[in-house]
Amino acid sequence: MINAPNANVMRPYLIRALHEWCIDNSLTPYIVVIVNDNVQVPREYVKDGQIVLNLSFDATSSLQLGNDYIEFKARFAGAARQIMVPVDQVSAIYAKENGQGLVFPLAPPKEAGAVALASKTLSAVPGSASASDRSEEAGTKLAPLTSVAIDRRSDEASDQPEPPRPSIKGPRPALKRVK
């Protein structure tokens, strides 16, 4: 197992590696982000203090997976938005199709209210161990790939409903890929 201080230094490299693995295997990389004031995302899609973002090349434009920030442009309800996520706010990266990925340890809470959010966030990742089972481990170790497989079947059974989509009259717009 890897200690938390090393995991935070390794986090951007692990994110890039799993992103590349997903792309190479024709899987869709998703990240779970803990939202705070430093995260630039559409707030209307934040649920329980977190947001799940699709990092596939089809869903993003100008994707940059840096050591400090993940930056890209994406469309939400047809409107282009600039997204900027500090790497230390990414709590998980996984493949949508099979749920394989990594859950990262949360940063140590700085205030009493952050403890509740940390516990809620760990238990909110489908397929992960409960927060009480992992409370000691979560702050000090990085979970291995095999123990964090996310069961997408339970997610599809409306455990977490999709964000509301605005009604659009007329035919659905489509993009044509030109190479």
N, C-alpha and C. Protein backbone atom coordinates (compact mmCIF):
# COMPACT_ATOMS: atom_id res chain seq x y z
N MET A 1 0.82 -1.18 0.00
CA MET A 1 0.00 0.00 0.00
C MET A 1 0.87 1.25 0.00
N ILE A 2 0.32 2.35 -0.47
CA ILE A 2 1.06 3.60 -0.60
C ILE A 2 0.57 4.57 0.45
N ASN A 3 1.48 5.25 1.13
CA ASN A 3 1.09 6.23 2.13
C ASN A 3 0.44 7.43 1.46
N ALA A 4 -0.44 8.13 2.20
CA ALA A 4 -1.20 9.24 1.65
C ALA A 4 -0.33 10.37 1.11
N PRO A 5 0.74 10.80 1.79
CA PRO A 5 1.53 11.89 1.21
C PRO A 5 2.09 11.52 -0.16
N ASN A 6 2.55 10.29 -0.32
CA ASN A 6 3.05 9.84 -1.62
C ASN A 6 1.92 9.73 -2.63
N ALA A 7 0.74 9.32 -2.18
CA ALA A 7 -0.40 9.18 -3.08
C ALA A 7 -0.79 10.54 -3.67
N ASN A 8 -0.72 11.60 -2.86
CA ASN A 8 -1.07 12.92 -3.38
C ASN A 8 -0.08 13.39 -4.43
N VAL A 9 1.19 13.06 -4.29
CA VAL A 9 2.19 13.40 -5.28
C VAL A 9 1.98 12.55 -6.54
N MET A 10 1.57 11.31 -6.35
CA MET A 10 1.37 10.38 -7.46
C MET A 10 0.02 10.56 -8.16
N ARG A 11 -0.92 11.22 -7.51
CA ARG A 11 -2.29 11.32 -8.03
C ARG A 11 -2.36 11.78 -9.49
N PRO A 12 -1.71 12.86 -9.92
CA PRO A 12 -1.85 13.26 -11.33
C PRO A 12 -1.32 12.20 -12.30
N TYR A 13 -0.27 11.49 -11.90
CA TYR A 13 0.30 10.44 -12.76
C TYR A 13 -0.65 9.25 -12.84
N LEU A 14 -1.26 8.90 -11.72
CA LEU A 14 -2.22 7.80 -11.72
C LEU A 14 -3.47 8.14 -12.53
N ILE A 15 -3.91 9.39 -12.43
CA ILE A 15 -5.07 9.84 -13.21
C ILE A 15 -4.75 9.74 -14.70
N ARG A 16 -3.58 10.24 -15.09
CA ARG A 16 -3.21 10.17 -16.50
C ARG A 16 -3.07 8.72 -16.97
N ALA A 17 -2.50 7.88 -16.14
CA ALA A 17 -2.32 6.47 -16.51
C ALA A 17 -3.67 5.77 -16.68
N LEU A 18 -4.58 5.97 -15.76
CA LEU A 18 -5.90 5.32 -15.88
C LEU A 18 -6.70 5.92 -17.03
N HIS A 19 -6.55 7.21 -17.28
CA HIS A 19 -7.21 7.83 -18.42
C HIS A 19 -6.71 7.19 -19.71
N GLU A 20 -5.40 7.04 -19.83
CA GLU A 20 -4.82 6.43 -21.02
C GLU A 20 -5.26 4.97 -21.16
N TRP A 21 -5.31 4.24 -20.04
CA TRP A 21 -5.75 2.85 -20.07
C TRP A 21 -7.20 2.76 -20.57
N CYS A 22 -8.05 3.65 -20.08
CA CYS A 22 -9.45 3.65 -20.53
C CYS A 22 -9.53 3.91 -22.04
N ILE A 23 -8.82 4.92 -22.50
CA ILE A 23 -8.87 5.28 -23.92
C ILE A 23 -8.32 4.13 -24.78
N ASP A 24 -7.20 3.55 -24.35
CA ASP A 24 -6.61 2.44 -25.11
C ASP A 24 -7.52 1.23 -25.20
N ASN A 25 -8.38 1.04 -24.21
CA ASN A 25 -9.29 -0.10 -24.19
C ASN A 25 -10.71 0.26 -24.60
N SER A 26 -10.88 1.40 -25.25
CA SER A 26 -12.18 1.88 -25.73
C SER A 26 -13.21 1.97 -24.61
N LEU A 27 -12.76 2.43 -23.44
CA LEU A 27 -13.63 2.64 -22.29
C LEU A 27 -13.78 4.14 -22.06
N THR A 28 -14.79 4.52 -21.30
CA THR A 28 -15.07 5.92 -21.03
C THR A 28 -14.57 6.30 -19.64
N PRO A 29 -13.54 7.17 -19.55
CA PRO A 29 -13.01 7.55 -18.23
C PRO A 29 -13.90 8.60 -17.56
N TYR A 30 -14.28 8.32 -16.33
CA TYR A 30 -15.06 9.25 -15.51
C TYR A 30 -14.25 9.58 -14.27
N ILE A 31 -14.36 10.83 -13.79
CA ILE A 31 -13.75 11.19 -12.52
C ILE A 31 -14.84 11.68 -11.58
N VAL A 32 -14.63 11.42 -10.30
CA VAL A 32 -15.51 11.94 -9.25
C VAL A 32 -14.73 13.07 -8.60
N VAL A 33 -15.36 14.25 -8.53
CA VAL A 33 -14.69 15.44 -8.01
C VAL A 33 -15.44 15.95 -6.79
N ILE A 34 -14.69 16.21 -5.72
CA ILE A 34 -15.25 16.85 -4.53
C ILE A 34 -15.26 18.35 -4.81
N VAL A 35 -16.42 18.96 -4.82
CA VAL A 35 -16.56 20.35 -5.22
C VAL A 35 -16.36 21.27 -4.02
N ASN A 36 -15.49 22.27 -4.21
CA ASN A 36 -15.32 23.35 -3.25
C ASN A 36 -15.14 24.64 -4.05
N ASP A 37 -14.70 25.71 -3.39
CA ASP A 37 -14.56 27.00 -4.07
C ASP A 37 -13.47 27.00 -5.13
N ASN A 38 -12.51 26.08 -5.06
CA ASN A 38 -11.42 26.03 -6.02
C ASN A 38 -11.77 25.28 -7.30
N VAL A 39 -12.91 24.62 -7.32
CA VAL A 39 -13.32 23.80 -8.46
C VAL A 39 -14.24 24.63 -9.35
N GLN A 40 -13.93 24.68 -10.64
CA GLN A 40 -14.75 25.43 -11.60
C GLN A 40 -15.55 24.46 -12.44
N VAL A 41 -16.80 24.20 -12.01
CA VAL A 41 -17.72 23.30 -12.70
C VAL A 41 -19.11 23.94 -12.65
N PRO A 42 -20.02 23.49 -13.51
CA PRO A 42 -21.40 24.00 -13.44
C PRO A 42 -22.05 23.55 -12.13
N ARG A 43 -22.36 24.47 -11.26
CA ARG A 43 -22.88 24.16 -9.92
C ARG A 43 -24.24 23.48 -9.96
N GLU A 44 -25.00 23.66 -11.03
CA GLU A 44 -26.33 23.05 -11.10
C GLU A 44 -26.27 21.54 -11.25
N TYR A 45 -25.09 21.00 -11.58
CA TYR A 45 -24.92 19.56 -11.72
C TYR A 45 -24.21 18.92 -10.52
N VAL A 46 -23.92 19.72 -9.51
CA VAL A 46 -23.27 19.21 -8.29
C VAL A 46 -24.34 18.58 -7.41
N LYS A 47 -24.06 17.37 -6.94
CA LYS A 47 -25.00 16.67 -6.06
C LYS A 47 -24.23 16.15 -4.85
N ASP A 48 -24.70 16.45 -3.67
CA ASP A 48 -24.07 16.01 -2.43
C ASP A 48 -22.59 16.43 -2.36
N GLY A 49 -22.27 17.62 -2.89
CA GLY A 49 -20.92 18.13 -2.80
C GLY A 49 -19.93 17.51 -3.77
N GLN A 50 -20.43 16.76 -4.76
CA GLN A 50 -19.53 16.16 -5.74
C GLN A 50 -20.18 16.15 -7.12
N ILE A 51 -19.33 15.97 -8.12
CA ILE A 51 -19.79 15.90 -9.50
C ILE A 51 -19.00 14.82 -10.21
N VAL A 52 -19.64 14.12 -11.13
CA VAL A 52 -18.98 13.10 -11.94
C VAL A 52 -18.82 13.68 -13.34
N LEU A 53 -17.58 13.65 -13.84
CA LEU A 53 -17.27 14.23 -15.14
C LEU A 53 -16.72 13.18 -16.10
N ASN A 54 -17.17 13.24 -17.33
CA ASN A 54 -16.71 12.37 -18.40
C ASN A 54 -15.45 12.99 -19.00
N LEU A 55 -14.33 12.26 -18.99
CA LEU A 55 -13.07 12.78 -19.53
C LEU A 55 -12.71 12.17 -20.88
N SER A 56 -13.68 11.60 -21.59
CA SER A 56 -13.36 11.03 -22.90
C SER A 56 -13.10 12.17 -23.88
N PHE A 57 -12.37 11.86 -24.94
CA PHE A 57 -12.07 12.88 -25.94
C PHE A 57 -13.33 13.30 -26.69
N ASP A 58 -14.33 12.44 -26.76
CA ASP A 58 -15.59 12.80 -27.41
C ASP A 58 -16.39 13.81 -26.58
N ALA A 59 -16.22 13.81 -25.27
CA ALA A 59 -16.99 14.69 -24.39
C ALA A 59 -16.25 15.97 -24.02
N THR A 60 -14.96 16.04 -24.32
CA THR A 60 -14.17 17.19 -23.92
C THR A 60 -13.48 17.82 -25.12
N SER A 61 -13.05 19.05 -24.91
CA SER A 61 -12.26 19.76 -25.90
C SER A 61 -11.09 20.40 -25.15
N SER A 62 -9.92 20.37 -25.74
CA SER A 62 -8.72 20.97 -25.14
C SER A 62 -8.41 20.36 -23.77
N LEU A 63 -8.52 19.05 -23.65
CA LEU A 63 -8.27 18.38 -22.38
C LEU A 63 -6.79 18.45 -22.02
N GLN A 64 -6.51 18.92 -20.81
CA GLN A 64 -5.15 18.98 -20.29
C GLN A 64 -5.14 18.32 -18.91
N LEU A 65 -4.44 17.22 -18.78
CA LEU A 65 -4.31 16.51 -17.51
C LEU A 65 -2.97 16.90 -16.90
N GLY A 66 -2.94 18.04 -16.22
CA GLY A 66 -1.70 18.55 -15.65
C GLY A 66 -1.42 18.00 -14.27
N ASN A 67 -0.28 18.40 -13.70
CA ASN A 67 0.09 17.95 -12.36
C ASN A 67 -0.73 18.65 -11.28
N ASP A 68 -1.21 19.86 -11.56
CA ASP A 68 -1.97 20.61 -10.56
C ASP A 68 -3.46 20.69 -10.88
N TYR A 69 -3.79 20.79 -12.17
CA TYR A 69 -5.18 20.96 -12.58
C TYR A 69 -5.53 20.06 -13.75
N ILE A 70 -6.81 19.71 -13.82
CA ILE A 70 -7.39 19.08 -15.00
C ILE A 70 -8.26 20.16 -15.62
N GLU A 71 -7.96 20.50 -16.87
CA GLU A 71 -8.69 21.58 -17.54
C GLU A 71 -9.23 21.09 -18.87
N PHE A 72 -10.46 21.52 -19.20
CA PHE A 72 -11.04 21.19 -20.49
C PHE A 72 -12.30 22.01 -20.69
N LYS A 73 -12.82 21.94 -21.90
CA LYS A 73 -14.10 22.55 -22.22
C LYS A 73 -15.07 21.41 -22.47
N ALA A 74 -16.30 21.58 -22.01
CA ALA A 74 -17.33 20.56 -22.22
C ALA A 74 -18.68 21.26 -22.37
N ARG A 75 -19.61 20.54 -22.96
CA ARG A 75 -20.96 21.09 -23.12
C ARG A 75 -21.88 20.51 -22.06
N PHE A 76 -22.61 21.38 -21.43
CA PHE A 76 -23.64 21.02 -20.45
C PHE A 76 -24.92 21.66 -20.93
N ALA A 77 -25.91 20.83 -21.24
CA ALA A 77 -27.19 21.30 -21.77
C ALA A 77 -26.98 22.17 -23.00
N GLY A 78 -26.01 21.81 -23.83
CA GLY A 78 -25.77 22.51 -25.08
C GLY A 78 -24.89 23.75 -24.97
N ALA A 79 -24.57 24.17 -23.75
CA ALA A 79 -23.74 25.36 -23.56
C ALA A 79 -22.31 24.95 -23.23
N ALA A 80 -21.34 25.53 -23.94
CA ALA A 80 -19.93 25.23 -23.69
C ALA A 80 -19.50 25.86 -22.37
N ARG A 81 -18.80 25.10 -21.55
CA ARG A 81 -18.31 25.57 -20.24
C ARG A 81 -16.83 25.22 -20.11
N GLN A 82 -16.09 26.12 -19.47
CA GLN A 82 -14.69 25.87 -19.14
C GLN A 82 -14.67 25.18 -17.78
N ILE A 83 -14.03 24.02 -17.70
CA ILE A 83 -13.95 23.24 -16.47
C ILE A 83 -12.51 23.26 -15.99
N MET A 84 -12.32 23.50 -14.69
CA MET A 84 -10.99 23.46 -14.10
C MET A 84 -11.11 22.81 -12.73
N VAL A 85 -10.41 21.68 -12.57
CA VAL A 85 -10.48 20.89 -11.35
C VAL A 85 -9.07 20.72 -10.79
N PRO A 86 -8.83 21.16 -9.55
CA PRO A 86 -7.54 20.84 -8.94
C PRO A 86 -7.41 19.32 -8.78
N VAL A 87 -6.25 18.78 -9.09
CA VAL A 87 -6.04 17.33 -9.05
C VAL A 87 -6.33 16.76 -7.67
N ASP A 88 -6.04 17.53 -6.61
CA ASP A 88 -6.27 17.01 -5.26
C ASP A 88 -7.75 16.93 -4.89
N GLN A 89 -8.64 17.44 -5.73
CA GLN A 89 -10.08 17.35 -5.50
C GLN A 89 -10.69 16.13 -6.19
N VAL A 90 -9.90 15.40 -6.99
CA VAL A 90 -10.38 14.19 -7.65
C VAL A 90 -10.35 13.06 -6.63
N SER A 91 -11.52 12.48 -6.35
CA SER A 91 -11.57 11.41 -5.35
C SER A 91 -11.59 10.02 -5.99
N ALA A 92 -11.86 9.94 -7.30
CA ALA A 92 -11.86 8.63 -7.97
C ALA A 92 -11.78 8.84 -9.47
N ILE A 93 -11.24 7.83 -10.15
CA ILE A 93 -11.27 7.75 -11.61
C ILE A 93 -11.62 6.31 -11.95
N TYR A 94 -12.55 6.12 -12.86
CA TYR A 94 -13.00 4.77 -13.20
C TYR A 94 -13.53 4.71 -14.62
N ALA A 95 -13.62 3.50 -15.15
CA ALA A 95 -14.20 3.27 -16.47
C ALA A 95 -15.70 3.08 -16.32
N LYS A 96 -16.46 3.81 -17.08
CA LYS A 96 -17.92 3.75 -17.00
C LYS A 96 -18.44 2.34 -17.29
N GLU A 97 -17.86 1.68 -18.26
CA GLU A 97 -18.39 0.41 -18.73
C GLU A 97 -18.21 -0.74 -17.74
N ASN A 98 -17.10 -0.77 -17.01
CA ASN A 98 -16.87 -1.91 -16.11
C ASN A 98 -16.60 -1.50 -14.66
N GLY A 99 -16.52 -0.20 -14.39
CA GLY A 99 -16.35 0.28 -13.02
C GLY A 99 -14.96 0.12 -12.45
N GLN A 100 -14.00 -0.35 -13.23
CA GLN A 100 -12.64 -0.50 -12.70
C GLN A 100 -11.95 0.84 -12.64
N GLY A 101 -11.23 1.06 -11.54
CA GLY A 101 -10.52 2.32 -11.38
C GLY A 101 -9.89 2.43 -10.02
N LEU A 102 -9.62 3.66 -9.60
CA LEU A 102 -9.00 3.93 -8.31
C LEU A 102 -9.82 4.94 -7.52
N VAL A 103 -9.86 4.73 -6.21
CA VAL A 103 -10.43 5.71 -5.29
C VAL A 103 -9.25 6.27 -4.52
N PHE A 104 -9.12 7.60 -4.50
CA PHE A 104 -8.00 8.23 -3.83
C PHE A 104 -8.38 8.61 -2.41
N PRO A 105 -7.39 8.65 -1.51
CA PRO A 105 -7.69 9.08 -0.14
C PRO A 105 -8.08 10.55 -0.13
N LEU A 106 -8.96 10.88 0.78
CA LEU A 106 -9.38 12.27 0.91
C LEU A 106 -8.33 13.04 1.69
N ALA A 107 -8.23 14.32 1.41
CA ALA A 107 -7.31 15.17 2.17
C ALA A 107 -7.79 15.22 3.61
N PRO A 108 -6.88 15.36 4.57
CA PRO A 108 -7.31 15.43 5.97
C PRO A 108 -8.28 16.59 6.16
N PRO A 109 -9.39 16.37 6.88
CA PRO A 109 -10.37 17.44 7.08
C PRO A 109 -9.76 18.59 7.85
N LYS A 110 -10.10 19.81 7.42
CA LYS A 110 -9.57 21.00 8.08
C LYS A 110 -10.54 21.57 9.11
N GLU A 111 -11.77 21.11 9.07
CA GLU A 111 -12.75 21.57 10.04
C GLU A 111 -13.72 20.44 10.35
N ALA A 112 -14.50 20.61 11.39
CA ALA A 112 -15.41 19.54 11.84
C ALA A 112 -16.43 19.18 10.77
N GLY A 113 -16.93 20.16 10.01
CA GLY A 113 -17.93 19.90 8.98
C GLY A 113 -17.38 19.07 7.84
N ALA A 114 -16.07 19.12 7.64
CA ALA A 114 -15.46 18.38 6.54
C ALA A 114 -15.44 16.88 6.82
N VAL A 115 -15.50 16.47 8.10
CA VAL A 115 -15.51 15.05 8.44
C VAL A 115 -16.77 14.40 7.89
N ALA A 116 -17.91 15.06 8.05
CA ALA A 116 -19.17 14.51 7.55
C ALA A 116 -19.12 14.38 6.03
N LEU A 117 -18.57 15.39 5.33
CA LEU A 117 -18.48 15.34 3.88
C LEU A 117 -17.56 14.20 3.45
N ALA A 118 -16.44 14.02 4.15
CA ALA A 118 -15.51 12.95 3.80
C ALA A 118 -16.17 11.59 3.94
N SER A 119 -16.89 11.37 5.02
CA SER A 119 -17.58 10.10 5.23
C SER A 119 -18.65 9.89 4.19
N LYS A 120 -19.40 10.94 3.89
CA LYS A 120 -20.47 10.84 2.92
C LYS A 120 -19.91 10.55 1.53
N THR A 121 -18.78 11.17 1.18
CA THR A 121 -18.19 10.99 -0.13
C THR A 121 -17.71 9.56 -0.32
N LEU A 122 -17.04 8.99 0.67
CA LEU A 122 -16.55 7.61 0.55
C LEU A 122 -17.70 6.64 0.38
N SER A 123 -18.77 6.84 1.12
CA SER A 123 -19.88 5.90 1.03
C SER A 123 -20.70 6.14 -0.24
N ALA A 124 -20.54 7.30 -0.88
CA ALA A 124 -21.33 7.61 -2.08
C ALA A 124 -20.76 6.97 -3.33
N VAL A 125 -19.53 6.52 -3.31
CA VAL A 125 -18.96 5.87 -4.49
C VAL A 125 -19.51 4.46 -4.56
N PRO A 126 -20.29 4.15 -5.61
CA PRO A 126 -20.90 2.83 -5.70
C PRO A 126 -19.86 1.73 -5.71
N GLY A 127 -20.10 0.68 -4.93
CA GLY A 127 -19.21 -0.47 -4.92
C GLY A 127 -18.05 -0.36 -3.97
N SER A 128 -17.85 0.82 -3.36
CA SER A 128 -16.73 0.95 -2.44
C SER A 128 -17.17 0.51 -1.05
N ALA A 129 -16.20 0.25 -0.20
CA ALA A 129 -16.50 -0.13 1.18
C ALA A 129 -17.14 1.05 1.89
N SER A 130 -17.88 0.78 2.94
CA SER A 130 -18.53 1.86 3.66
C SER A 130 -17.48 2.72 4.36
N ALA A 131 -17.86 3.95 4.67
CA ALA A 131 -16.93 4.89 5.29
C ALA A 131 -16.47 4.38 6.65
N SER A 132 -17.35 3.74 7.41
CA SER A 132 -16.93 3.24 8.72
C SER A 132 -15.92 2.11 8.59
N ASP A 133 -16.05 1.29 7.54
CA ASP A 133 -15.10 0.20 7.32
C ASP A 133 -13.73 0.71 6.90
N ARG A 134 -13.70 1.87 6.25
CA ARG A 134 -12.45 2.36 5.69
C ARG A 134 -11.97 3.65 6.33
N SER A 135 -12.54 4.09 7.45
CA SER A 135 -12.20 5.40 7.99
C SER A 135 -10.72 5.54 8.27
N GLU A 136 -10.10 4.55 8.87
CA GLU A 136 -8.66 4.64 9.11
C GLU A 136 -7.89 4.53 7.82
N GLU A 137 -8.25 3.57 6.99
CA GLU A 137 -7.52 3.30 5.76
C GLU A 137 -7.64 4.45 4.77
N ALA A 138 -8.78 5.12 4.71
CA ALA A 138 -9.01 6.15 3.70
C ALA A 138 -8.03 7.30 3.82
N GLY A 139 -7.66 7.68 5.01
CA GLY A 139 -6.76 8.80 5.15
C GLY A 139 -5.30 8.43 4.98
N THR A 140 -4.97 7.16 4.95
CA THR A 140 -3.56 6.80 4.94
C THR A 140 -3.13 5.94 3.77
N LYS A 141 -4.05 5.34 3.06
CA LYS A 141 -3.62 4.42 2.00
C LYS A 141 -4.44 4.62 0.74
N LEU A 142 -3.87 4.19 -0.36
CA LEU A 142 -4.52 4.22 -1.65
C LEU A 142 -5.16 2.87 -1.90
N ALA A 143 -6.43 2.86 -2.24
CA ALA A 143 -7.13 1.60 -2.46
C ALA A 143 -6.65 0.94 -3.75
N PRO A 144 -6.46 -0.37 -3.74
CA PRO A 144 -6.01 -1.06 -4.96
C PRO A 144 -7.13 -1.13 -5.99
N LEU A 145 -6.76 -1.35 -7.23
CA LEU A 145 -7.73 -1.42 -8.32
C LEU A 145 -8.83 -2.43 -8.07
N THR A 146 -8.48 -3.62 -7.61
CA THR A 146 -9.49 -4.67 -7.51
C THR A 146 -10.52 -4.40 -6.44
N SER A 147 -10.21 -3.61 -5.43
CA SER A 147 -11.17 -3.42 -4.34
C SER A 147 -12.14 -2.27 -4.59
N VAL A 148 -11.98 -1.54 -5.68
CA VAL A 148 -12.85 -0.41 -5.90
C VAL A 148 -13.68 -0.54 -7.17
N ALA A 149 -13.83 -1.74 -7.66
CA ALA A 149 -14.64 -1.93 -8.85
C ALA A 149 -16.04 -1.41 -8.57
N ILE A 150 -16.52 -0.53 -9.42
CA ILE A 150 -17.81 0.12 -9.21
C ILE A 150 -18.87 -0.65 -9.97
N ASP A 151 -19.91 -1.04 -9.26
CA ASP A 151 -21.00 -1.79 -9.87
C ASP A 151 -21.93 -0.81 -10.56
N ARG A 152 -21.80 -0.67 -11.88
CA ARG A 152 -22.60 0.29 -12.64
C ARG A 152 -24.05 -0.15 -12.74
N ARG A 153 -24.33 -1.45 -12.54
CA ARG A 153 -25.72 -1.90 -12.63
C ARG A 153 -26.58 -1.25 -11.56
N SER A 154 -26.06 -1.11 -10.35
CA SER A 154 -26.85 -0.48 -9.30
C SER A 154 -27.01 1.01 -9.57
N ASP A 155 -26.01 1.64 -10.21
CA ASP A 155 -26.10 3.05 -10.54
C ASP A 155 -27.18 3.28 -11.59
N GLU A 156 -27.28 2.33 -12.54
CA GLU A 156 -28.27 2.46 -13.59
C GLU A 156 -29.68 2.25 -13.06
N ALA A 157 -29.80 1.66 -11.90
CA ALA A 157 -31.11 1.44 -11.30
C ALA A 157 -31.56 2.67 -10.54
N SER A 158 -31.14 3.83 -10.99
CA SER A 158 -31.52 5.15 -10.48
C SER A 158 -31.08 5.42 -9.05
N ASP A 159 -29.91 4.86 -8.63
CA ASP A 159 -29.35 5.26 -7.34
C ASP A 159 -28.98 6.73 -7.37
N GLN A 160 -28.41 7.17 -8.48
CA GLN A 160 -28.06 8.57 -8.66
C GLN A 160 -28.64 9.01 -9.99
N PRO A 161 -29.78 9.69 -9.97
CA PRO A 161 -30.41 10.10 -11.22
C PRO A 161 -29.55 11.12 -11.96
N GLU A 162 -29.68 11.14 -13.27
CA GLU A 162 -28.95 12.08 -14.10
C GLU A 162 -29.43 13.50 -13.79
N PRO A 163 -28.59 14.52 -14.01
CA PRO A 163 -29.01 15.89 -13.80
C PRO A 163 -30.16 16.23 -14.74
N PRO A 164 -31.02 17.15 -14.32
CA PRO A 164 -32.16 17.50 -15.18
C PRO A 164 -31.68 18.09 -16.49
N ARG A 165 -32.33 17.69 -17.56
CA ARG A 165 -31.97 18.19 -18.89
C ARG A 165 -33.09 19.13 -19.35
N PRO A 166 -32.71 20.25 -19.92
CA PRO A 166 -33.74 21.17 -20.41
C PRO A 166 -34.46 20.57 -21.61
N SER A 167 -35.73 20.88 -21.72
CA SER A 167 -36.49 20.36 -22.86
C SER A 167 -36.14 21.17 -24.10
N ILE A 168 -35.86 20.46 -25.18
CA ILE A 168 -35.50 21.10 -26.45
C ILE A 168 -36.54 20.67 -27.47
N LYS A 169 -37.16 21.66 -28.09
CA LYS A 169 -38.17 21.35 -29.10
C LYS A 169 -37.50 21.19 -30.45
N GLY A 170 -38.02 20.29 -31.24
CA GLY A 170 -37.46 20.04 -32.57
C GLY A 170 -36.55 18.83 -32.55
N PRO A 171 -35.89 18.57 -33.67
CA PRO A 171 -35.01 17.40 -33.74
C PRO A 171 -33.78 17.59 -32.85
N ARG A 172 -33.28 16.50 -32.35
CA ARG A 172 -32.10 16.53 -31.49
C ARG A 172 -30.87 16.90 -32.32
N PRO A 173 -30.08 17.87 -31.84
CA PRO A 173 -28.88 18.23 -32.61
C PRO A 173 -27.87 17.10 -32.61
N ALA A 174 -27.11 16.99 -33.66
CA ALA A 174 -26.12 15.92 -33.78
C ALA A 174 -24.82 16.53 -34.29
N LEU A 175 -23.73 15.95 -33.84
CA LEU A 175 -22.41 16.37 -34.31
C LEU A 175 -21.91 15.35 -35.32
N LYS A 176 -21.25 15.83 -36.33
CA LYS A 176 -20.67 14.95 -37.31
C LYS A 176 -19.17 15.03 -37.18
N ARG A 177 -18.53 13.89 -37.00
CA ARG A 177 -17.09 13.83 -36.82
C ARG A 177 -16.42 13.77 -38.20
N VAL A 178 -15.53 14.74 -38.45
CA VAL A 178 -14.83 14.81 -39.71
C VAL A 178 -13.36 14.62 -39.43
N LYS A 179 -12.76 13.66 -40.09
CA LYS A 179 -11.33 13.40 -39.89
C LYS A 179 -10.54 13.75 -41.11
